Amino acid sequence: MGAIVKEQSICTSMDAKTRLQRVEALETIKNKALEKAERGEDSLEVRDFVTSAKKELAYELPDEDAFRKAMNATLAYKAKKG
């Protein structure tokens, strides 16, 4: 487990420009979803919009920090399980 924690501290975080772009994109998604809800669109349609928009964002601006954390958690689980 010490190696996993050490690996996380060595990894560089997402640069500020990319993080800002992700935050702005998420704000845009939120605002569009709120507009759809205010117009009375079905909640399922709004949820589908948000899900697909976030998926598209993940392809355009991947969050490598989240990927590394998930990978480290998976490896720690597999190591613990044997």
PDB file of N, CA and C in Angstrom:
ATOM      1  N   MET A   1       0.816  -1.185   0.000  1.00  0.00           N
ATOM      2  CA  MET A   1       0.000   0.000   0.000  1.00  0.00           C
ATOM      3  C   MET A   1       0.862   1.252   0.000  1.00  0.00           C
ATOM      4  N   GLY A   2       2.010   1.210   0.619  1.00  0.00           N
ATOM      5  CA  GLY A   2       2.903   2.361   0.632  1.00  0.00           C
ATOM      6  C   GLY A   2       3.311   2.783  -0.763  1.00  0.00           C
ATOM      7  N   ALA A   3       3.504   1.810  -1.647  1.00  0.00           N
ATOM      8  CA  ALA A   3       3.877   2.127  -3.027  1.00  0.00           C
ATOM      9  C   ALA A   3       2.755   2.851  -3.747  1.00  0.00           C
ATOM     10  N   ILE A   4       1.530   2.499  -3.434  1.00  0.00           N
ATOM     11  CA  ILE A   4       0.390   3.153  -4.080  1.00  0.00           C
ATOM     12  C   ILE A   4       0.303   4.600  -3.640  1.00  0.00           C
ATOM     13  N   VAL A   5       0.440   4.861  -2.352  1.00  0.00           N
ATOM     14  CA  VAL A   5       0.388   6.229  -1.841  1.00  0.00           C
ATOM     15  C   VAL A   5       1.542   7.037  -2.424  1.00  0.00           C
ATOM     16  N   LYS A   6       2.718   6.434  -2.480  1.00  0.00           N
ATOM     17  CA  LYS A   6       3.876   7.110  -3.038  1.00  0.00           C
ATOM     18  C   LYS A   6       3.641   7.460  -4.503  1.00  0.00           C
ATOM     19  N   GLU A   7       3.059   6.531  -5.248  1.00  0.00           N
ATOM     20  CA  GLU A   7       2.772   6.759  -6.666  1.00  0.00           C
ATOM     21  C   GLU A   7       1.815   7.935  -6.839  1.00  0.00           C
ATOM     22  N   GLN A   8       0.805   8.056  -5.984  1.00  0.00           N
ATOM     23  CA  GLN A   8      -0.149   9.152  -6.083  1.00  0.00           C
ATOM     24  C   GLN A   8       0.533  10.487  -5.841  1.00  0.00           C
ATOM     25  N   SER A   9       1.463  10.539  -4.915  1.00  0.00           N
ATOM     26  CA  SER A   9       2.111  11.811  -4.618  1.00  0.00           C
ATOM     27  C   SER A   9       3.089  12.219  -5.717  1.00  0.00           C
ATOM     28  N   ILE A  10       3.618  11.255  -6.461  1.00  0.00           N
ATOM     29  CA  ILE A  10       4.550  11.551  -7.545  1.00  0.00           C
ATOM     30  C   ILE A  10       3.810  12.069  -8.779  1.00  0.00           C
ATOM     31  N   CYS A  11       2.607  11.556  -9.028  1.00  0.00           N
ATOM     32  CA  CYS A  11       1.841  11.925 -10.223  1.00  0.00           C
ATOM     33  C   CYS A  11       1.560  13.418 -10.225  1.00  0.00           C
ATOM     34  N   THR A  12       1.751  14.019 -11.389  1.00  0.00           N
ATOM     35  CA  THR A  12       1.431  15.429 -11.500  1.00  0.00           C
ATOM     36  C   THR A  12      -0.057  15.587 -11.690  1.00  0.00           C
ATOM     37  N   SER A  13      -0.604  16.657 -11.160  1.00  0.00           N
ATOM     38  CA  SER A  13      -2.033  16.869 -11.286  1.00  0.00           C
ATOM     39  C   SER A  13      -2.340  17.533 -12.617  1.00  0.00           C
ATOM     40  N   MET A  14      -3.611  17.537 -12.941  1.00  0.00           N
ATOM     41  CA  MET A  14      -4.071  18.158 -14.170  1.00  0.00           C
ATOM     42  C   MET A  14      -3.655  19.625 -14.154  1.00  0.00           C
ATOM     43  N   ASP A  15      -3.146  20.123 -15.277  1.00  0.00           N
ATOM     44  CA  ASP A  15      -2.702  21.505 -15.291  1.00  0.00           C
ATOM     45  C   ASP A  15      -3.892  22.456 -15.129  1.00  0.00           C
ATOM     46  N   ALA A  16      -3.599  23.653 -14.686  1.00  0.00           N
ATOM     47  CA  ALA A  16      -4.640  24.620 -14.337  1.00  0.00           C
ATOM     48  C   ALA A  16      -5.519  24.975 -15.529  1.00  0.00           C
ATOM     49  N   LYS A  17      -4.930  25.064 -16.709  1.00  0.00           N
ATOM     50  CA  LYS A  17      -5.710  25.429 -17.898  1.00  0.00           C
ATOM     51  C   LYS A  17      -6.748  24.359 -18.217  1.00  0.00           C
ATOM     52  N   THR A  18      -6.338  23.096 -18.174  1.00  0.00           N
ATOM     53  CA  THR A  18      -7.261  21.999 -18.455  1.00  0.00           C
ATOM     54  C   THR A  18      -8.346  21.925 -17.393  1.00  0.00           C
ATOM     55  N   ARG A  19      -7.965  22.090 -16.135  1.00  0.00           N
ATOM     56  CA  ARG A  19      -8.944  22.053 -15.052  1.00  0.00           C
ATOM     57  C   ARG A  19      -9.964  23.176 -15.218  1.00  0.00           C
ATOM     58  N   LEU A  20      -9.501  24.364 -15.581  1.00  0.00           N
ATOM     59  CA  LEU A  20     -10.403  25.493 -15.800  1.00  0.00           C
ATOM     60  C   LEU A  20     -11.363  25.197 -16.954  1.00  0.00           C
ATOM     61  N   GLN A  21     -10.845  24.593 -18.027  1.00  0.00           N
ATOM     62  CA  GLN A  21     -11.699  24.235 -19.159  1.00  0.00           C
ATOM     63  C   GLN A  21     -12.764  23.227 -18.743  1.00  0.00           C
ATOM     64  N   ARG A  22     -12.398  22.251 -17.928  1.00  0.00           N
ATOM     65  CA  ARG A  22     -13.364  21.257 -17.441  1.00  0.00           C
ATOM     66  C   ARG A  22     -14.431  21.913 -16.583  1.00  0.00           C
ATOM     67  N   VAL A  23     -14.008  22.806 -15.692  1.00  0.00           N
ATOM     68  CA  VAL A  23     -14.971  23.488 -14.819  1.00  0.00           C
ATOM     69  C   VAL A  23     -15.938  24.325 -15.649  1.00  0.00           C
ATOM     70  N   GLU A  24     -15.407  25.052 -16.622  1.00  0.00           N
ATOM     71  CA  GLU A  24     -16.271  25.869 -17.477  1.00  0.00           C
ATOM     72  C   GLU A  24     -17.247  24.999 -18.256  1.00  0.00           C
ATOM     73  N   ALA A  25     -16.767  23.872 -18.772  1.00  0.00           N
ATOM     74  CA  ALA A  25     -17.644  22.976 -19.529  1.00  0.00           C
ATOM     75  C   ALA A  25     -18.731  22.387 -18.634  1.00  0.00           C
ATOM     76  N   LEU A  26     -18.369  22.018 -17.411  1.00  0.00           N
ATOM     77  CA  LEU A  26     -19.365  21.479 -16.478  1.00  0.00           C
ATOM     78  C   LEU A  26     -20.402  22.534 -16.097  1.00  0.00           C
ATOM     79  N   GLU A  27     -19.959  23.771 -15.939  1.00  0.00           N
ATOM     80  CA  GLU A  27     -20.900  24.868 -15.659  1.00  0.00           C
ATOM     81  C   GLU A  27     -21.859  25.054 -16.825  1.00  0.00           C
ATOM     82  N   THR A  28     -21.355  24.971 -18.042  1.00  0.00           N
ATOM     83  CA  THR A  28     -22.198  25.102 -19.235  1.00  0.00           C
ATOM     84  C   THR A  28     -23.225  23.974 -19.292  1.00  0.00           C
ATOM     85  N   ILE A  29     -22.783  22.760 -19.008  1.00  0.00           N
ATOM     86  CA  ILE A  29     -23.691  21.611 -18.985  1.00  0.00           C
ATOM     87  C   ILE A  29     -24.777  21.845 -17.939  1.00  0.00           C
ATOM     88  N   LYS A  30     -24.385  22.299 -16.762  1.00  0.00           N
ATOM     89  CA  LYS A  30     -25.352  22.551 -15.693  1.00  0.00           C
ATOM     90  C   LYS A  30     -26.375  23.598 -16.118  1.00  0.00           C
ATOM     91  N   ASN A  31     -25.894  24.694 -16.691  1.00  0.00           N
ATOM     92  CA  ASN A  31     -26.790  25.772 -17.091  1.00  0.00           C
ATOM     93  C   ASN A  31     -27.765  25.325 -18.175  1.00  0.00           C
ATOM     94  N   LYS A  32     -27.282  24.558 -19.148  1.00  0.00           N
ATOM     95  CA  LYS A  32     -28.162  24.060 -20.204  1.00  0.00           C
ATOM     96  C   LYS A  32     -29.197  23.090 -19.637  1.00  0.00           C
ATOM     97  N   ALA A  33     -28.778  22.254 -18.689  1.00  0.00           N
ATOM     98  CA  ALA A  33     -29.713  21.319 -18.063  1.00  0.00           C
ATOM     99  C   ALA A  33     -30.787  22.072 -17.280  1.00  0.00           C
ATOM    100  N   LEU A  34     -30.388  23.126 -16.574  1.00  0.00           N
ATOM    101  CA  LEU A  34     -31.363  23.929 -15.842  1.00  0.00           C
ATOM    102  C   LEU A  34     -32.342  24.612 -16.797  1.00  0.00           C
ATOM    103  N   GLU A  35     -31.843  25.100 -17.920  1.00  0.00           N
ATOM    104  CA  GLU A  35     -32.715  25.713 -18.922  1.00  0.00           C
ATOM    105  C   GLU A  35     -33.726  24.702 -19.452  1.00  0.00           C
ATOM    106  N   LYS A  36     -33.263  23.496 -19.734  1.00  0.00           N
ATOM    107  CA  LYS A  36     -34.160  22.454 -20.223  1.00  0.00           C
ATOM    108  C   LYS A  36     -35.236  22.140 -19.185  1.00  0.00           C
ATOM    109  N   ALA A  37     -34.830  22.060 -17.922  1.00  0.00           N
ATOM    110  CA  ALA A  37     -35.779  21.764 -16.850  1.00  0.00           C
ATOM    111  C   ALA A  37     -36.799  22.900 -16.696  1.00  0.00           C
ATOM    112  N   GLU A  38     -36.330  24.139 -16.788  1.00  0.00           N
ATOM    113  CA  GLU A  38     -37.234  25.286 -16.665  1.00  0.00           C
ATOM    114  C   GLU A  38     -38.233  25.347 -17.817  1.00  0.00           C
ATOM    115  N   ARG A  39     -37.807  24.882 -19.007  1.00  0.00           N
ATOM    116  CA  ARG A  39     -38.707  24.851 -20.160  1.00  0.00           C
ATOM    117  C   ARG A  39     -39.728  23.722 -20.043  1.00  0.00           C
ATOM    118  N   GLY A  40     -39.552  22.886 -19.028  1.00  0.00           N
ATOM    119  CA  GLY A  40     -40.507  21.812 -18.792  1.00  0.00           C
ATOM    120  C   GLY A  40     -40.192  20.507 -19.497  1.00  0.00           C
ATOM    121  N   GLU A  41     -38.962  20.351 -19.960  1.00  0.00           N
ATOM    122  CA  GLU A  41     -38.599  19.091 -20.603  1.00  0.00           C
ATOM    123  C   GLU A  41     -38.612  17.969 -19.571  1.00  0.00           C
ATOM    124  N   ASP A  42     -38.863  16.779 -20.046  1.00  0.00           N
ATOM    125  CA  ASP A  42     -38.939  15.598 -19.199  1.00  0.00           C
ATOM    126  C   ASP A  42     -37.627  15.406 -18.437  1.00  0.00           C
ATOM    127  N   SER A  43     -37.719  14.997 -17.188  1.00  0.00           N
ATOM    128  CA  SER A  43     -36.512  14.827 -16.373  1.00  0.00           C
ATOM    129  C   SER A  43     -35.580  13.763 -16.948  1.00  0.00           C
ATOM    130  N   LEU A  44     -36.142  12.760 -17.596  1.00  0.00           N
ATOM    131  CA  LEU A  44     -35.308  11.729 -18.218  1.00  0.00           C
ATOM    132  C   LEU A  44     -34.498  12.315 -19.371  1.00  0.00           C
ATOM    133  N   GLU A  45     -35.118  13.205 -20.148  1.00  0.00           N
ATOM    134  CA  GLU A  45     -34.404  13.852 -21.246  1.00  0.00           C
ATOM    135  C   GLU A  45     -33.271  14.725 -20.712  1.00  0.00           C
ATOM    136  N   VAL A  46     -33.539  15.424 -19.624  1.00  0.00           N
ATOM    137  CA  VAL A  46     -32.509  16.280 -19.022  1.00  0.00           C
ATOM    138  C   VAL A  46     -31.365  15.416 -18.508  1.00  0.00           C
ATOM    139  N   ARG A  47     -31.693  14.323 -17.857  1.00  0.00           N
ATOM    140  CA  ARG A  47     -30.653  13.430 -17.337  1.00  0.00           C
ATOM    141  C   ARG A  47     -29.837  12.830 -18.476  1.00  0.00           C
ATOM    142  N   ASP A  48     -30.508  12.428 -19.555  1.00  0.00           N
ATOM    143  CA  ASP A  48     -29.790  11.890 -20.714  1.00  0.00           C
ATOM    144  C   ASP A  48     -28.848  12.936 -21.309  1.00  0.00           C
ATOM    145  N   PHE A  49     -29.320  14.181 -21.379  1.00  0.00           N
ATOM    146  CA  PHE A  49     -28.471  15.259 -21.887  1.00  0.00           C
ATOM    147  C   PHE A  49     -27.212  15.395 -21.027  1.00  0.00           C
ATOM    148  N   VAL A  50     -27.397  15.447 -19.720  1.00  0.00           N
ATOM    149  CA  VAL A  50     -26.263  15.620 -18.801  1.00  0.00           C
ATOM    150  C   VAL A  50     -25.295  14.447 -18.922  1.00  0.00           C
ATOM    151  N   THR A  51     -25.819  13.238 -18.953  1.00  0.00           N
ATOM    152  CA  THR A  51     -24.972  12.048 -19.046  1.00  0.00           C
ATOM    153  C   THR A  51     -24.149  12.051 -20.331  1.00  0.00           C
ATOM    154  N   SER A  52     -24.813  12.319 -21.454  1.00  0.00           N
ATOM    155  CA  SER A  52     -24.077  12.289 -22.723  1.00  0.00           C
ATOM    156  C   SER A  52     -23.096  13.452 -22.827  1.00  0.00           C
ATOM    157  N   ALA A  53     -23.453  14.617 -22.286  1.00  0.00           N
ATOM    158  CA  ALA A  53     -22.544  15.765 -22.329  1.00  0.00           C
ATOM    159  C   ALA A  53     -21.304  15.504 -21.472  1.00  0.00           C
ATOM    160  N   LYS A  54     -21.490  14.897 -20.300  1.00  0.00           N
ATOM    161  CA  LYS A  54     -20.347  14.587 -19.441  1.00  0.00           C
ATOM    162  C   LYS A  54     -19.460  13.512 -20.063  1.00  0.00           C
ATOM    163  N   LYS A  55     -20.071  12.561 -20.760  1.00  0.00           N
ATOM    164  CA  LYS A  55     -19.300  11.521 -21.433  1.00  0.00           C
ATOM    165  C   LYS A  55     -18.455  12.139 -22.548  1.00  0.00           C
ATOM    166  N   GLU A  56     -19.059  13.036 -23.310  1.00  0.00           N
ATOM    167  CA  GLU A  56     -18.330  13.717 -24.381  1.00  0.00           C
ATOM    168  C   GLU A  56     -17.181  14.546 -23.804  1.00  0.00           C
ATOM    169  N   LEU A  57     -17.437  15.210 -22.691  1.00  0.00           N
ATOM    170  CA  LEU A  57     -16.396  15.996 -22.026  1.00  0.00           C
ATOM    171  C   LEU A  57     -15.241  15.105 -21.577  1.00  0.00           C
ATOM    172  N   ALA A  58     -15.564  13.928 -21.077  1.00  0.00           N
ATOM    173  CA  ALA A  58     -14.528  13.001 -20.618  1.00  0.00           C
ATOM    174  C   ALA A  58     -13.606  12.582 -21.762  1.00  0.00           C
ATOM    175  N   TYR A  59     -14.148  12.477 -22.967  1.00  0.00           N
ATOM    176  CA  TYR A  59     -13.315  12.140 -24.126  1.00  0.00           C
ATOM    177  C   TYR A  59     -12.484  13.338 -24.571  1.00  0.00           C
ATOM    178  N   GLU A  60     -13.074  14.529 -24.508  1.00  0.00           N
ATOM    179  CA  GLU A  60     -12.365  15.729 -24.966  1.00  0.00           C
ATOM    180  C   GLU A  60     -11.298  16.180 -23.974  1.00  0.00           C
ATOM    181  N   LEU A  61     -11.637  16.163 -22.693  1.00  0.00           N
ATOM    182  CA  LEU A  61     -10.709  16.605 -21.642  1.00  0.00           C
ATOM    183  C   LEU A  61     -10.683  15.556 -20.532  1.00  0.00           C
ATOM    184  N   PRO A  62      -9.959  14.467 -20.725  1.00  0.00           N
ATOM    185  CA  PRO A  62      -9.953  13.409 -19.720  1.00  0.00           C
ATOM    186  C   PRO A  62      -9.335  13.880 -18.396  1.00  0.00           C
ATOM    187  N   ASP A  63      -9.909  13.386 -17.309  1.00  0.00           N
ATOM    188  CA  ASP A  63      -9.404  13.702 -15.974  1.00  0.00           C
ATOM    189  C   ASP A  63      -8.425  12.592 -15.581  1.00  0.00           C
ATOM    190  N   GLU A  64      -7.160  12.833 -15.858  1.00  0.00           N
ATOM    191  CA  GLU A  64      -6.147  11.805 -15.620  1.00  0.00           C
ATOM    192  C   GLU A  64      -5.957  11.525 -14.133  1.00  0.00           C
ATOM    193  N   ASP A  65      -6.176  12.524 -13.289  1.00  0.00           N
ATOM    194  CA  ASP A  65      -6.060  12.307 -11.845  1.00  0.00           C
ATOM    195  C   ASP A  65      -7.103  11.298 -11.365  1.00  0.00           C
ATOM    196  N   ALA A  66      -8.333  11.459 -11.838  1.00  0.00           N
ATOM    197  CA  ALA A  66      -9.397  10.530 -11.450  1.00  0.00           C
ATOM    198  C   ALA A  66      -9.084   9.124 -11.954  1.00  0.00           C
ATOM    199  N   PHE A  67      -8.540   9.039 -13.168  1.00  0.00           N
ATOM    200  CA  PHE A  67      -8.157   7.737 -13.710  1.00  0.00           C
ATOM    201  C   PHE A  67      -7.097   7.085 -12.841  1.00  0.00           C
ATOM    202  N   ARG A  68      -6.072   7.846 -12.475  1.00  0.00           N
ATOM    203  CA  ARG A  68      -4.992   7.291 -11.635  1.00  0.00           C
ATOM    204  C   ARG A  68      -5.520   6.814 -10.283  1.00  0.00           C
ATOM    205  N   LYS A  69      -6.411   7.604  -9.684  1.00  0.00           N
ATOM    206  CA  LYS A  69      -6.986   7.210  -8.385  1.00  0.00           C
ATOM    207  C   LYS A  69      -7.780   5.918  -8.520  1.00  0.00           C
ATOM    208  N   ALA A  70      -8.578   5.818  -9.574  1.00  0.00           N
ATOM    209  CA  ALA A  70      -9.367   4.608  -9.789  1.00  0.00           C
ATOM    210  C   ALA A  70      -8.454   3.409 -10.044  1.00  0.00           C
ATOM    211  N   MET A  71      -7.418   3.615 -10.821  1.00  0.00           N
ATOM    212  CA  MET A  71      -6.479   2.531 -11.121  1.00  0.00           C
ATOM    213  C   MET A  71      -5.763   2.073  -9.848  1.00  0.00           C
ATOM    214  N   ASN A  72      -5.323   3.027  -9.037  1.00  0.00           N
ATOM    215  CA  ASN A  72      -4.639   2.673  -7.790  1.00  0.00           C
ATOM    216  C   ASN A  72      -5.578   1.944  -6.835  1.00  0.00           C
ATOM    217  N   ALA A  73      -6.837   2.366  -6.784  1.00  0.00           N
ATOM    218  CA  ALA A  73      -7.805   1.685  -5.922  1.00  0.00           C
ATOM    219  C   ALA A  73      -8.027   0.260  -6.405  1.00  0.00           C
ATOM    220  N   THR A  74      -8.113   0.082  -7.705  1.00  0.00           N
ATOM    221  CA  THR A  74      -8.292  -1.255  -8.279  1.00  0.00           C
ATOM    222  C   THR A  74      -7.090  -2.142  -7.970  1.00  0.00           C
ATOM    223  N   LEU A  75      -5.893  -1.597  -8.160  1.00  0.00           N
ATOM    224  CA  LEU A  75      -4.689  -2.383  -7.876  1.00  0.00           C
ATOM    225  C   LEU A  75      -4.570  -2.725  -6.398  1.00  0.00           C
ATOM    226  N   ALA A  76      -4.939  -1.787  -5.528  1.00  0.00           N
ATOM    227  CA  ALA A  76      -4.893  -2.063  -4.082  1.00  0.00           C
ATOM    228  C   ALA A  76      -5.885  -3.152  -3.712  1.00  0.00           C
ATOM    229  N   TYR A  77      -7.084  -3.104  -4.316  1.00  0.00           N
ATOM    230  CA  TYR A  77      -8.084  -4.133  -4.041  1.00  0.00           C
ATOM    231  C   TYR A  77      -7.588  -5.494  -4.506  1.00  0.00           C
ATOM    232  N   LYS A  78      -7.043  -5.540  -5.715  1.00  0.00           N
ATOM    233  CA  LYS A  78      -6.553  -6.817  -6.246  1.00  0.00           C
ATOM    234  C   LYS A  78      -5.402  -7.368  -5.405  1.00  0.00           C
ATOM    235  N   ALA A  79      -4.508  -6.482  -4.935  1.00  0.00           N
ATOM    236  CA  ALA A  79      -3.380  -6.916  -4.100  1.00  0.00           C
ATOM    237  C   ALA A  79      -3.881  -7.436  -2.756  1.00  0.00           C
ATOM    238  N   LYS A  80      -4.888  -6.776  -2.207  1.00  0.00           N
ATOM    239  CA  LYS A  80      -5.440  -7.188  -0.917  1.00  0.00           C
ATOM    240  C   LYS A  80      -6.180  -8.518  -1.040  1.00  0.00           C
ATOM    241  N   LYS A  81      -6.887  -8.672  -2.142  1.00  0.00           N
ATOM    242  CA  LYS A  81      -7.679  -9.873  -2.350  1.00  0.00           C
ATOM    243  C   LYS A  81      -6.794 -11.096  -2.621  1.00  0.00           C
ATOM    244  N   GLY A  82      -5.628 -10.840  -3.181  1.00  0.00           N
ATOM    245  CA  GLY A  82      -4.680 -11.928  -3.345  1.00  0.00           C
ATOM    246  C   GLY A  82      -4.581 -12.387  -4.708  1.00  0.00           C
TER     247      GLY A  82
END
